Amino acid sequence: MMKKLRGRNLAHPGCLIGITVGMTLGIFLAEILAAVFNITLNSVLLTWLGLTIGLGAIGWILGDRLSSRFPALEDETQPSPTSNNPPAP
């Protein structure tokens, strides 16, 4: 599985994971803030939005930083550039 990640930028998957976690945690946190602490709807929605965007940004940054740890592997099946040239007559 790690070979599939080599040479790819992981910022987009990191952002996707961050936004998914942000949405999920944001919904639970919004429910707790609204029900238990009786906070206004605007504050709850801003908290949810901030958590979603914040975790998405963190996921993007971490994914981008992790990309350098998985450098692209050289494909061993490709012929060398000198072998593509036909022999001189």
Protein backbone atom coordinates (compact mmCIF):
# COMPACT_ATOMS: atom_id res chain seq x y z
CA MET A 1 0.00 0.00 0.00
CA MET A 2 2.84 2.40 0.76
CA LYS A 3 4.21 1.96 -2.77
CA LYS A 4 1.02 3.52 -4.14
CA LEU A 5 1.65 6.65 -2.07
CA ARG A 6 5.17 7.18 -3.38
CA GLY A 7 5.61 10.24 -5.53
CA ARG A 8 2.14 11.59 -4.76
CA ASN A 9 1.19 14.73 -2.91
CA LEU A 10 -0.77 13.74 0.18
CA ALA A 11 -2.24 17.20 0.78
CA HIS A 12 -5.59 16.37 -0.82
CA PRO A 13 -6.16 13.11 1.10
CA GLY A 14 -5.00 14.85 4.29
CA CYS A 15 -7.46 17.67 3.73
CA LEU A 16 -10.25 15.17 3.05
CA ILE A 17 -9.52 13.32 6.27
CA GLY A 18 -9.27 16.59 8.20
CA ILE A 19 -12.59 17.89 6.89
CA THR A 20 -14.32 14.57 7.55
CA VAL A 21 -13.06 14.49 11.13
CA GLY A 22 -13.89 18.19 11.53
CA MET A 23 -17.46 17.66 10.34
CA THR A 24 -17.97 14.70 12.64
CA LEU A 25 -16.42 16.29 15.73
CA GLY A 26 -18.08 19.60 14.90
CA ILE A 27 -21.54 18.04 14.84
CA PHE A 28 -20.99 16.36 18.20
CA LEU A 29 -19.49 19.50 19.74
CA ALA A 30 -22.32 21.65 18.35
CA GLU A 31 -24.87 19.28 19.86
CA ILE A 32 -23.18 19.44 23.27
CA LEU A 33 -22.81 23.23 23.16
CA ALA A 34 -26.45 23.74 22.18
CA ALA A 35 -28.04 21.19 24.53
CA VAL A 36 -25.89 21.30 27.65
CA PHE A 37 -24.54 24.85 27.72
CA ASN A 38 -27.48 26.54 25.94
CA ILE A 39 -25.24 28.61 23.65
CA THR A 40 -26.77 30.66 20.82
CA LEU A 41 -27.13 29.13 17.38
CA ASN A 42 -24.72 31.60 15.73
CA SER A 43 -21.95 30.69 18.18
CA VAL A 44 -22.57 26.97 17.71
CA LEU A 45 -22.45 27.29 13.90
CA LEU A 46 -19.29 29.38 13.98
CA THR A 47 -17.64 26.83 16.27
CA TRP A 48 -18.64 24.01 13.92
CA LEU A 49 -17.40 25.89 10.84
CA GLY A 50 -14.13 26.86 12.52
CA LEU A 51 -13.47 23.29 13.63
CA THR A 52 -14.20 21.93 10.14
CA ILE A 53 -12.03 24.45 8.30
CA GLY A 54 -9.28 24.31 10.92
CA LEU A 55 -8.94 20.53 10.84
CA GLY A 56 -9.10 20.58 7.05
CA ALA A 57 -6.22 23.06 6.94
CA ILE A 58 -4.23 21.01 9.46
CA GLY A 59 -4.83 17.88 7.35
CA TRP A 60 -3.68 19.73 4.22
CA ILE A 61 -0.47 20.92 5.90
CA LEU A 62 0.33 17.54 7.45
CA GLY A 63 -0.38 15.74 4.18
CA ASP A 64 1.87 18.14 2.30
CA ARG A 65 4.67 17.64 4.84
CA LEU A 66 4.31 13.84 4.72
CA SER A 67 4.65 13.84 0.94
CA SER A 68 8.38 14.47 1.17
CA ARG A 69 8.78 11.30 3.23
CA PHE A 70 7.56 9.15 0.34
CA PRO A 71 9.79 10.03 -2.64
CA ALA A 72 8.96 8.52 -6.00
CA LEU A 73 10.58 5.21 -6.80
CA GLU A 74 12.37 4.82 -10.10
CA ASP A 75 10.55 2.37 -12.33
CA GLU A 76 12.95 -0.49 -13.04
CA THR A 77 11.01 -1.70 -16.09
CA GLN A 78 11.70 1.41 -18.15
CA PRO A 79 14.65 1.09 -20.53
CA SER A 80 17.47 3.55 -20.24
CA PRO A 81 17.46 6.52 -22.66
CA THR A 82 20.54 5.23 -24.49
CA SER A 83 18.91 1.89 -25.36
CA ASN A 84 16.03 3.59 -27.24
CA ASN A 85 18.34 4.87 -29.95
CA PRO A 86 18.70 2.54 -32.97
CA PRO A 87 22.25 1.53 -33.88
CA ALA A 88 24.01 3.89 -36.28
CA PRO A 89 24.40 2.51 -39.84
